[in-house]
Amino acid sequence: MQAVGWKYYILFVVCNFTNALFFWAFLPETKKLPLEEMNYLFTHAPWIVPGTDRAQYTADYEGDLERRAREFSEKNAMTANHEEVVR
């Protein structure tokens, strides 16, 4: 380390810079998205993310979440009705 001196840290600077460019260019933003939407997000996002409209590759999670909640409650209602019939 002493023979190389400060020049060794240029490697870390280059690695950090290239990693920052990679994350900025290729990985879509996941802030405030539920975990259930990650599969949809990463399968529908374009290869190069900057410059694209986020609405094109994110699901309508608010409407979708309401739809799933409605399906869940309907499924529970059907299960409860089935249990009453069995008794």
Protein backbone atom coordinates (compact mmCIF):
# COMPACT_ATOMS: atom_id res chain seq x y z
CA MET A 1 0.00 0.00 0.00
CA GLN A 2 2.78 2.44 0.85
CA ALA A 3 4.51 1.95 -2.50
CA VAL A 4 1.30 2.73 -4.43
CA GLY A 5 0.27 5.62 -2.17
CA TRP A 6 -2.75 7.75 -3.03
CA LYS A 7 -3.01 6.34 -6.57
CA TYR A 8 -4.61 3.17 -5.22
CA TYR A 9 -7.72 5.15 -4.24
CA ILE A 10 -8.31 6.10 -7.85
CA LEU A 11 -9.55 2.51 -8.28
CA PHE A 12 -12.27 3.12 -5.68
CA VAL A 13 -13.25 6.42 -7.27
CA VAL A 14 -13.60 4.78 -10.68
CA CYS A 15 -15.62 1.86 -9.25
CA ASN A 16 -17.98 4.17 -7.36
CA PHE A 17 -18.49 6.37 -10.41
CA THR A 18 -19.27 3.45 -12.73
CA ASN A 19 -21.63 1.94 -10.17
CA ALA A 20 -23.45 5.25 -9.80
CA LEU A 21 -23.88 5.48 -13.58
CA PHE A 22 -25.16 1.91 -13.74
CA PHE A 23 -27.76 2.42 -11.02
CA TRP A 24 -28.90 5.73 -12.52
CA ALA A 25 -29.21 4.38 -16.07
CA PHE A 26 -30.48 0.83 -15.71
CA LEU A 27 -32.44 0.43 -12.46
CA PRO A 28 -35.88 2.00 -12.09
CA GLU A 29 -36.87 3.97 -9.00
CA THR A 30 -38.62 1.84 -6.37
CA LYS A 31 -39.43 4.56 -3.85
CA LYS A 32 -42.96 4.36 -2.40
CA LEU A 33 -43.84 1.22 -4.36
CA PRO A 34 -45.23 -1.82 -2.54
CA LEU A 35 -43.25 -5.03 -2.58
CA GLU A 36 -45.98 -6.74 -4.59
CA GLU A 37 -45.29 -4.41 -7.54
CA MET A 38 -41.55 -5.14 -7.83
CA ASN A 39 -41.99 -8.08 -10.22
CA TYR A 40 -44.17 -5.99 -12.54
CA LEU A 41 -41.78 -3.05 -12.31
CA PHE A 42 -38.63 -4.98 -13.19
CA THR A 43 -40.28 -6.97 -15.99
CA HIS A 44 -41.83 -3.93 -17.70
CA ALA A 45 -39.14 -1.28 -17.20
CA PRO A 46 -37.12 -0.30 -20.28
CA TRP A 47 -33.40 -1.12 -20.55
CA ILE A 48 -32.43 2.55 -20.25
CA VAL A 49 -34.59 4.24 -17.62
CA PRO A 50 -33.70 7.98 -17.82
CA GLY A 51 -35.85 9.93 -20.24
CA THR A 52 -38.82 7.56 -20.10
CA ASP A 53 -42.17 8.24 -18.50
CA ARG A 54 -42.50 6.31 -15.27
CA ALA A 55 -46.24 5.81 -15.82
CA GLN A 56 -45.47 3.60 -18.83
CA TYR A 57 -43.80 0.88 -16.78
CA THR A 58 -45.43 1.12 -13.34
CA ALA A 59 -48.70 -0.58 -12.57
CA ASP A 60 -51.74 1.32 -11.42
CA TYR A 61 -51.13 0.08 -7.90
CA GLU A 62 -53.78 2.24 -6.27
CA GLY A 63 -56.54 0.91 -8.52
CA ASP A 64 -54.99 -2.54 -8.57
CA LEU A 65 -54.75 -2.61 -4.79
CA GLU A 66 -58.43 -1.75 -4.47
CA ARG A 67 -59.31 -4.48 -6.98
CA ARG A 68 -57.26 -7.05 -5.06
CA ALA A 69 -58.86 -6.03 -1.77
CA ARG A 70 -62.30 -6.44 -3.32
CA GLU A 71 -61.37 -9.90 -4.69
CA PHE A 72 -60.01 -10.90 -1.29
CA SER A 73 -63.19 -9.85 0.51
CA GLU A 74 -65.32 -11.66 -2.09
CA LYS A 75 -63.22 -14.79 -1.67
CA ASN A 76 -63.61 -14.62 2.12
CA ALA A 77 -67.36 -14.15 1.73
CA MET A 78 -67.57 -17.19 -0.54
CA THR A 79 -65.52 -19.24 1.93
CA ALA A 80 -67.77 -18.18 4.80
CA ASN A 81 -70.89 -19.10 2.76
CA HIS A 82 -69.37 -22.46 1.89
CA GLU A 83 -68.63 -23.19 5.56
CA GLU A 84 -72.23 -22.35 6.51
CA VAL A 85 -73.54 -24.74 3.84
CA VAL A 86 -71.25 -27.54 5.04
CA ARG A 87 -72.51 -27.20 8.65
